[in-house]
Amino acid sequence: MTGAIAVTDDGAVRIIRMNRPEKKNALTRAMYADMSRALREADQSDPIRCVMFAGTAGVFSAGNDIADFLNTADTGLHSPVLEFLHALAQGKKPIVAAVGGIAVGVGTTMLLHCDHVVAASDAMLSTPFLKLALIPEAASTLLAPMRMGYARAFSMLVMGRHLSAAEAREAGLVNTVVDAAEVDVVALQAAREIAALPPGAVAVARALMRNRLNEVVERIDTEAKHYIQLLQSDEARAAFQAFFARKK
């Protein structure tokens, strides 16, 4: 594991924490690989009955690390990302998320694969993919309209409009909104509650509720193909140039 991903087991709950606060928990290829490994290991461990994703104080994740991301521009959406998205979608154990502060890009779309989401009252969700001339990932083009309705999904995924924690709860992306200081505690309580349930029955109920898994995995791969093509486009090059010009 890299130091940027901290994995700990709290009884029957595996906690996967994005721990790179100096970069707002922006995700690198190595971090994706570590999270995939932690998920796969949890799936193979009978004592682990629930997984919890968390960030650091005031930040869940700022999405992809742009510098690391552009180093793989020639190959597009590189394999560690796809491996993580597949592990997330196909995970056998229930997933809880503790979302404090900002959740950008995949920091938001990954929540569509979580079974229970606790957000801080000051959390802000956003998916600014189109501003970089790219498209959303993680099967969000399928799952977000199903969860939120087309109008809300278009506003978030295409127009890039932010969702507050309260708006995300109303839209069905978040279960509970709490004070920022309580996010991890409340999320862990929920994870322990899930972990205490009969695991066989939980697995069957969850599989029935998530019965479009093949379609979800197919959409992840289809989005990736389009993503790779768009990444090479003149629109994307111009968008990234403008992005870095604003950061100077």
Protein backbone atom coordinates (compact mmCIF):
# COMPACT_ATOMS: atom_id res chain seq x y z
CA MET A 1 0.00 0.00 0.00
CA THR A 2 1.06 3.58 -0.59
CA GLY A 3 0.91 6.03 2.30
CA ALA A 4 -1.81 7.84 0.39
CA ILE A 5 -4.28 5.01 1.03
CA ALA A 6 -4.70 3.85 4.62
CA VAL A 7 -6.48 0.54 5.14
CA THR A 8 -7.55 -0.54 8.61
CA ASP A 9 -9.99 -3.13 9.92
CA ASP A 10 -12.35 -2.16 12.71
CA GLY A 11 -13.82 -5.50 13.68
CA ALA A 12 -15.93 -6.60 10.71
CA VAL A 13 -15.55 -3.24 8.92
CA ARG A 14 -12.73 -2.52 6.52
CA ILE A 15 -11.97 1.22 6.34
CA ILE A 16 -10.32 2.47 3.12
CA ARG A 17 -9.18 6.03 3.70
CA MET A 18 -7.91 8.36 0.99
CA ASN A 19 -5.08 9.97 2.91
CA ARG A 20 -3.36 12.56 0.75
CA PRO A 21 -4.67 15.80 2.29
CA GLU A 22 -1.90 17.99 0.87
CA LYS A 23 -3.37 17.23 -2.59
CA LYS A 24 -7.00 17.14 -1.43
CA ASN A 25 -6.93 13.36 -1.76
CA ALA A 26 -6.54 13.56 -5.54
CA LEU A 27 -6.22 10.03 -6.83
CA THR A 28 -3.15 8.63 -8.56
CA ARG A 29 -2.74 5.32 -10.38
CA ALA A 30 -1.02 3.86 -7.32
CA MET A 31 -3.92 4.93 -5.08
CA TYR A 32 -6.45 3.32 -7.43
CA ALA A 33 -4.42 0.10 -7.38
CA ASP A 34 -4.28 0.12 -3.58
CA MET A 35 -8.03 0.66 -3.25
CA SER A 36 -8.73 -2.14 -5.73
CA ARG A 37 -6.53 -4.48 -3.73
CA ALA A 38 -8.25 -3.54 -0.48
CA LEU A 39 -11.67 -4.19 -2.01
CA ARG A 40 -10.67 -7.54 -3.51
CA GLU A 41 -9.14 -8.66 -0.22
CA ALA A 42 -12.31 -7.66 1.64
CA ASP A 43 -14.39 -9.71 -0.78
CA GLN A 44 -12.26 -12.77 -0.01
CA SER A 45 -12.33 -12.29 3.76
CA ASP A 46 -15.22 -13.85 5.66
CA PRO A 47 -14.58 -11.78 8.82
CA ILE A 48 -14.98 -8.53 6.83
CA ARG A 49 -18.67 -7.85 6.32
CA CYS A 50 -18.72 -4.20 5.27
CA VAL A 51 -16.37 -1.70 3.62
CA MET A 52 -16.22 2.00 4.43
CA PHE A 53 -14.62 4.68 2.25
CA ALA A 54 -13.47 7.89 3.92
CA GLY A 55 -11.27 10.91 3.25
CA THR A 56 -9.55 13.38 5.53
CA ALA A 57 -10.80 16.44 7.39
CA GLY A 58 -12.79 18.61 5.01
CA VAL A 59 -11.99 16.56 1.90
CA PHE A 60 -13.35 13.31 0.55
CA SER A 61 -11.56 13.46 -2.82
CA ALA A 62 -10.75 16.09 -5.44
CA GLY A 63 -10.96 13.40 -8.13
CA ASN A 64 -8.09 12.43 -10.39
CA ASP A 65 -4.63 13.87 -9.88
CA ILE A 66 -4.37 15.82 -13.13
CA ALA A 67 -0.59 15.58 -13.47
CA ASP A 68 -0.61 11.82 -12.90
CA PHE A 69 -3.62 11.53 -15.18
CA LEU A 70 -1.99 13.37 -18.10
CA ASN A 71 1.09 11.15 -17.85
CA THR A 72 -1.17 8.41 -19.21
CA ALA A 73 -2.92 10.54 -21.82
CA ASP A 74 -1.61 8.37 -24.67
CA THR A 75 -3.34 5.30 -23.25
CA GLY A 76 -6.44 7.06 -21.97
CA LEU A 77 -8.32 5.66 -18.99
CA HIS A 78 -5.53 3.46 -17.69
CA SER A 79 -6.01 0.02 -16.23
CA PRO A 80 -5.72 0.87 -12.50
CA VAL A 81 -8.77 3.12 -12.86
CA LEU A 82 -10.80 0.48 -14.67
CA GLU A 83 -9.68 -2.16 -12.21
CA PHE A 84 -10.93 -0.01 -9.34
CA LEU A 85 -14.25 0.77 -11.02
CA HIS A 86 -14.83 -2.93 -11.71
CA ALA A 87 -13.90 -3.85 -8.12
CA LEU A 88 -16.24 -1.15 -6.84
CA ALA A 89 -19.17 -2.22 -9.01
CA GLN A 90 -18.67 -5.95 -8.48
CA GLY A 91 -17.78 -5.84 -4.79
CA LYS A 92 -19.49 -8.52 -2.71
CA LYS A 93 -19.53 -6.60 0.55
CA PRO A 94 -21.81 -3.62 1.32
CA ILE A 95 -20.11 -0.25 0.98
CA VAL A 96 -20.55 2.81 3.20
CA ALA A 97 -19.04 6.21 2.43
CA ALA A 98 -18.16 9.02 4.83
CA VAL A 99 -18.11 12.18 2.72
CA GLY A 100 -16.66 15.26 4.32
CA GLY A 101 -16.05 18.47 2.38
CA ILE A 102 -15.47 18.27 -1.36
CA ALA A 103 -16.18 15.27 -3.57
CA VAL A 104 -15.15 15.97 -7.16
CA GLY A 105 -15.34 13.76 -10.25
CA VAL A 106 -14.87 10.13 -9.26
CA GLY A 107 -15.21 11.32 -5.66
CA THR A 108 -18.88 11.81 -6.53
CA THR A 109 -19.51 9.09 -9.12
CA MET A 110 -18.14 6.36 -6.86
CA LEU A 111 -20.96 7.17 -4.42
CA LEU A 112 -23.41 5.71 -6.93
CA HIS A 113 -21.94 2.30 -6.08
CA CYS A 114 -22.18 2.75 -2.32
CA ASP A 115 -25.02 1.26 -0.32
CA HIS A 116 -25.11 3.92 2.40
CA VAL A 117 -23.65 7.44 2.22
CA VAL A 118 -23.15 9.81 5.14
CA ALA A 119 -22.23 13.39 4.19
CA ALA A 120 -21.12 16.41 6.16
CA SER A 121 -23.53 19.32 6.09
CA ASP A 122 -20.89 21.38 4.27
CA ALA A 123 -20.07 18.66 1.72
CA MET A 124 -20.16 19.68 -1.94
CA LEU A 125 -20.45 17.19 -4.80
CA SER A 126 -19.44 18.01 -8.37
CA THR A 127 -18.64 16.26 -11.65
CA PRO A 128 -16.93 18.80 -13.95
CA PHE A 129 -15.99 16.26 -16.66
CA LEU A 130 -17.55 18.16 -19.55
CA LYS A 131 -15.57 21.28 -18.66
CA LEU A 132 -12.50 19.27 -19.66
CA ALA A 133 -14.29 18.00 -22.80
CA LEU A 134 -14.55 14.51 -21.29
CA ILE A 135 -17.48 12.39 -20.14
CA PRO A 136 -18.40 10.99 -16.72
CA GLU A 137 -17.26 7.50 -15.71
CA ALA A 138 -18.04 4.74 -13.21
CA ALA A 139 -21.27 3.91 -15.09
CA SER A 140 -22.63 7.24 -13.87
CA THR A 141 -24.35 7.85 -17.22
CA LEU A 142 -26.49 4.82 -16.37
CA LEU A 143 -26.75 5.00 -12.59
CA ALA A 144 -27.25 8.73 -12.06
CA PRO A 145 -30.41 9.02 -14.23
CA MET A 146 -31.76 5.87 -12.54
CA ARG A 147 -31.09 7.27 -9.08
CA MET A 148 -31.75 10.99 -9.55
CA GLY A 149 -33.94 11.24 -12.62
CA TYR A 150 -32.73 12.52 -15.98
CA ALA A 151 -33.10 16.24 -15.27
CA ARG A 152 -30.98 16.22 -12.13
CA ALA A 153 -28.45 13.85 -13.65
CA PHE A 154 -28.01 16.06 -16.72
CA SER A 155 -27.56 19.13 -14.54
CA MET A 156 -24.86 17.41 -12.50
CA LEU A 157 -23.06 15.26 -15.07
CA VAL A 158 -23.27 17.42 -18.20
CA MET A 159 -23.67 20.98 -16.93
CA GLY A 160 -21.32 20.33 -14.03
CA ARG A 161 -23.53 21.98 -11.43
CA HIS A 162 -22.65 21.37 -7.80
CA LEU A 163 -24.84 19.53 -5.32
CA SER A 164 -24.85 20.49 -1.67
CA ALA A 165 -25.19 17.74 0.91
CA ALA A 166 -28.87 18.59 1.38
CA GLU A 167 -29.48 18.55 -2.38
CA ALA A 168 -27.63 15.24 -2.71
CA ARG A 169 -29.83 13.74 0.00
CA GLU A 170 -32.96 15.00 -1.75
CA ALA A 171 -31.66 13.53 -5.02
CA GLY A 172 -31.09 10.13 -3.45
CA LEU A 173 -27.28 10.12 -3.50
CA VAL A 174 -26.88 10.59 0.25
CA ASN A 175 -28.67 8.83 3.10
CA THR A 176 -27.76 11.02 6.06
CA VAL A 177 -26.41 14.56 6.54
CA VAL A 178 -24.58 15.30 9.79
CA ASP A 179 -22.20 17.88 11.24
CA ALA A 180 -18.73 17.70 9.71
CA ALA A 181 -17.17 16.49 12.96
CA GLU A 182 -19.53 13.52 13.08
CA VAL A 183 -19.17 12.15 9.54
CA ASP A 184 -16.73 9.33 10.24
CA VAL A 185 -18.40 8.35 13.51
CA VAL A 186 -21.90 8.15 12.03
CA ALA A 187 -20.68 6.34 8.92
CA LEU A 188 -18.80 3.80 11.02
CA GLN A 189 -21.90 3.25 13.14
CA ALA A 190 -23.87 2.50 9.97
CA ALA A 191 -21.13 0.16 8.71
CA ARG A 192 -21.14 -1.71 12.03
CA GLU A 193 -24.93 -1.95 11.90
CA ILE A 194 -24.73 -3.51 8.42
CA ALA A 195 -21.89 -5.80 9.47
CA ALA A 196 -23.97 -7.11 12.38
CA LEU A 197 -26.72 -8.36 10.06
CA PRO A 198 -26.77 -11.99 8.83
CA PRO A 199 -24.21 -11.86 5.97
CA GLY A 200 -25.87 -14.46 3.77
CA ALA A 201 -29.20 -12.67 3.79
CA VAL A 202 -27.49 -9.31 3.22
CA ALA A 203 -25.64 -10.73 0.21
CA VAL A 204 -28.85 -12.08 -1.37
CA ALA A 205 -30.85 -8.92 -0.71
CA ARG A 206 -28.06 -6.72 -2.06
CA ALA A 207 -27.63 -8.85 -5.19
CA LEU A 208 -31.36 -8.63 -5.90
CA MET A 209 -31.38 -4.86 -5.41
CA ARG A 210 -28.33 -4.46 -7.66
CA ASN A 211 -29.63 -6.81 -10.35
CA ARG A 212 -28.30 -4.79 -13.31
CA LEU A 213 -24.66 -5.57 -12.56
CA ASN A 214 -23.81 -6.84 -16.05
CA GLU A 215 -25.25 -3.68 -17.55
CA VAL A 216 -23.32 -1.55 -15.08
CA VAL A 217 -20.00 -3.23 -15.90
CA GLU A 218 -20.72 -2.94 -19.62
CA ARG A 219 -21.44 0.78 -19.20
CA ILE A 220 -18.17 1.29 -17.31
CA ASP A 221 -16.28 -0.20 -20.26
CA THR A 222 -18.30 1.71 -22.87
CA GLU A 223 -17.71 5.00 -21.07
CA ALA A 224 -14.00 4.18 -20.93
CA LYS A 225 -13.83 3.70 -24.70
CA HIS A 226 -15.48 7.07 -25.32
CA TYR A 227 -13.29 8.65 -22.65
CA ILE A 228 -10.13 7.46 -24.41
CA GLN A 229 -11.32 8.85 -27.73
CA LEU A 230 -12.35 12.19 -26.27
CA LEU A 231 -9.08 12.54 -24.38
CA GLN A 232 -7.27 12.73 -27.72
CA SER A 233 -9.63 15.36 -29.14
CA ASP A 234 -8.80 18.98 -29.92
CA GLU A 235 -11.55 19.99 -27.50
CA ALA A 236 -9.86 18.17 -24.63
CA ARG A 237 -6.42 19.56 -25.44
CA ALA A 238 -7.81 23.09 -25.46
CA ALA A 239 -9.73 22.48 -22.23
CA PHE A 240 -6.65 21.17 -20.41
CA GLN A 241 -4.54 24.08 -21.69
CA ALA A 242 -7.12 26.50 -20.33
CA PHE A 243 -7.25 24.59 -17.03
CA PHE A 244 -3.49 24.86 -16.48
CA ALA A 245 -3.48 28.51 -17.58
CA ARG A 246 -6.02 29.30 -14.85
CA LYS A 247 -3.87 27.53 -12.25
CA LYS A 248 -0.77 29.60 -13.02
